[in-house]
Amino acid sequence: MLDKKALDVQVLHVAPLTSIADYLVIGSAESDRQTRAIADSVAETLSRVGQRPLSLEGITSGQWVLIDFGDVVAHVFRQDTRSHYALERLWSDARSIPVPDLTSTPAATPKRHMIMKGTSRKMV
């Protein structure tokens, strides 16, 4: 998400709270077009390492795109839509996983965090 300039990216560990996923990745965009670009980038990046989305919803509207990878579900919102639905408040009991701030170090190479569960690999 960060390579497409997603805003306020958060990773929430929701496994103790629900069976729908282990992690939720939430990010914002400034426009419908950027929302779609971020979602496309996430799906493409994970597809290159063999992780294809189980479901991709909302790509045509660009207000809120949901990409379901099974153990990891990514939500990409337009900023106003994100504040309306407030998933962080809904999942306020979830543990927040730190996301490195790549904007403060422009020469830094993005690090991908691997989330291992069973035999599947998920990148965040």
Protein backbone atom coordinates (compact mmCIF):
# COMPACT_ATOMS: atom_id res chain seq x y z
CA MET A 1 0.00 0.00 0.00
CA LEU A 2 2.75 2.39 0.89
CA ASP A 3 4.30 2.24 -2.59
CA LYS A 4 1.10 3.84 -3.97
CA LYS A 5 1.09 6.49 -1.23
CA ALA A 6 -1.71 5.05 0.89
CA LEU A 7 -2.44 7.18 3.92
CA ASP A 8 -2.66 6.09 7.56
CA VAL A 9 -1.96 2.40 6.92
CA GLN A 10 -2.81 0.25 9.92
CA VAL A 11 -2.49 -3.48 10.56
CA LEU A 12 -4.80 -4.98 13.17
CA HIS A 13 -4.36 -8.45 14.65
CA VAL A 14 -7.97 -9.64 14.89
CA ALA A 15 -7.45 -13.42 15.23
CA PRO A 16 -8.37 -13.51 18.94
CA LEU A 17 -11.59 -11.61 18.19
CA THR A 18 -13.01 -13.26 15.06
CA SER A 19 -12.68 -16.22 12.74
CA ILE A 20 -13.00 -14.16 9.53
CA ALA A 21 -9.29 -13.29 9.36
CA ASP A 22 -6.12 -13.09 11.40
CA TYR A 23 -5.15 -9.60 10.23
CA LEU A 24 -6.91 -6.57 8.79
CA VAL A 25 -4.84 -4.11 6.79
CA ILE A 26 -6.52 -0.72 6.43
CA GLY A 27 -5.37 2.19 4.31
CA SER A 28 -6.80 5.38 2.82
CA ALA A 29 -6.58 7.14 -0.53
CA GLU A 30 -7.40 10.65 -1.63
CA SER A 31 -9.51 9.66 -4.66
CA ASP A 32 -11.41 6.77 -6.23
CA ARG A 33 -8.64 6.39 -8.79
CA GLN A 34 -5.95 6.14 -6.12
CA THR A 35 -8.09 3.67 -4.16
CA ARG A 36 -8.25 1.39 -7.21
CA ALA A 37 -4.51 1.83 -7.89
CA ILE A 38 -3.61 0.85 -4.32
CA ALA A 39 -5.93 -2.19 -4.42
CA ASP A 40 -4.53 -3.28 -7.81
CA SER A 41 -0.98 -2.93 -6.47
CA VAL A 42 -1.74 -5.04 -3.38
CA ALA A 43 -3.37 -7.79 -5.45
CA GLU A 44 -0.59 -7.74 -8.07
CA THR A 45 2.24 -7.76 -5.51
CA LEU A 46 0.82 -10.72 -3.62
CA SER A 47 -0.04 -12.56 -6.85
CA ARG A 48 3.65 -12.42 -7.80
CA VAL A 49 4.47 -14.45 -4.69
CA GLY A 50 1.67 -16.94 -5.31
CA GLN A 51 -1.05 -15.40 -3.13
CA ARG A 52 -4.09 -14.66 -5.25
CA PRO A 53 -7.08 -12.94 -3.65
CA LEU A 54 -10.03 -15.14 -2.73
CA SER A 55 -12.29 -12.15 -3.33
CA LEU A 56 -11.97 -8.59 -4.62
CA GLU A 57 -14.94 -6.30 -3.95
CA GLY A 58 -15.65 -2.64 -4.70
CA ILE A 59 -13.04 -2.07 -7.39
CA THR A 60 -15.52 -0.46 -9.80
CA SER A 61 -16.73 2.21 -7.40
CA GLY A 62 -13.39 2.97 -5.76
CA GLN A 63 -14.98 4.17 -2.50
CA TRP A 64 -14.03 1.06 -0.51
CA VAL A 65 -12.13 -1.88 -1.94
CA LEU A 66 -11.91 -5.12 0.04
CA ILE A 67 -9.28 -7.69 -0.90
CA ASP A 68 -9.66 -11.02 0.87
CA PHE A 69 -6.57 -13.23 1.06
CA GLY A 70 -8.04 -15.59 3.66
CA ASP A 71 -5.97 -14.96 6.78
CA VAL A 72 -5.36 -11.34 5.73
CA VAL A 73 -8.09 -8.95 4.56
CA ALA A 74 -7.07 -5.59 3.11
CA HIS A 75 -9.42 -2.60 3.11
CA VAL A 76 -8.61 0.42 0.94
CA PHE A 77 -10.92 3.38 1.52
CA ARG A 78 -11.36 6.82 0.17
CA GLN A 79 -10.65 9.02 3.22
CA ASP A 80 -14.23 10.21 3.76
CA THR A 81 -15.58 6.67 3.43
CA ARG A 82 -13.03 5.37 5.93
CA SER A 83 -14.02 7.93 8.53
CA HIS A 84 -17.70 7.08 8.00
CA TYR A 85 -17.27 3.33 8.58
CA ALA A 86 -14.49 3.66 11.21
CA LEU A 87 -13.26 0.05 11.15
CA GLU A 88 -10.54 0.91 13.65
CA ARG A 89 -13.21 1.83 16.18
CA LEU A 90 -15.18 -1.35 15.39
CA TRP A 91 -12.02 -3.42 15.97
CA SER A 92 -10.70 -1.27 18.84
CA ASP A 93 -9.92 -4.37 20.92
CA ALA A 94 -7.53 -5.64 18.23
CA ARG A 95 -3.80 -5.33 18.74
CA SER A 96 -2.23 -2.81 16.36
CA ILE A 97 0.87 -3.99 14.49
CA PRO A 98 3.41 -1.18 13.87
CA VAL A 99 3.83 -0.15 10.24
CA PRO A 100 7.16 1.49 9.40
CA ASP A 101 6.92 5.13 8.34
CA LEU A 102 8.67 5.13 4.98
CA THR A 103 7.98 8.81 4.35
CA SER A 104 10.56 9.92 6.91
CA THR A 105 13.34 7.98 5.14
CA PRO A 106 12.95 8.47 1.39
CA ALA A 107 16.01 6.38 0.56
CA ALA A 108 14.78 3.45 2.64
CA THR A 109 13.74 0.31 0.86
CA PRO A 110 10.28 -0.89 1.91
CA LYS A 111 10.40 -3.95 4.12
CA ARG A 112 7.69 -6.53 3.75
CA HIS A 113 6.60 -8.34 6.85
CA MET A 114 5.77 -11.99 6.36
CA ILE A 115 2.92 -13.40 8.34
CA MET A 116 3.23 -17.17 8.52
CA LYS A 117 0.30 -19.36 9.39
CA GLY A 118 0.40 -23.06 8.77
CA THR A 119 1.73 -23.58 5.26
CA SER A 120 0.43 -20.30 3.83
CA ARG A 121 2.43 -17.10 3.64
CA LYS A 122 0.93 -13.63 3.73
CA MET A 123 2.82 -10.41 3.12
CA VAL A 124 1.79 -7.17 4.77
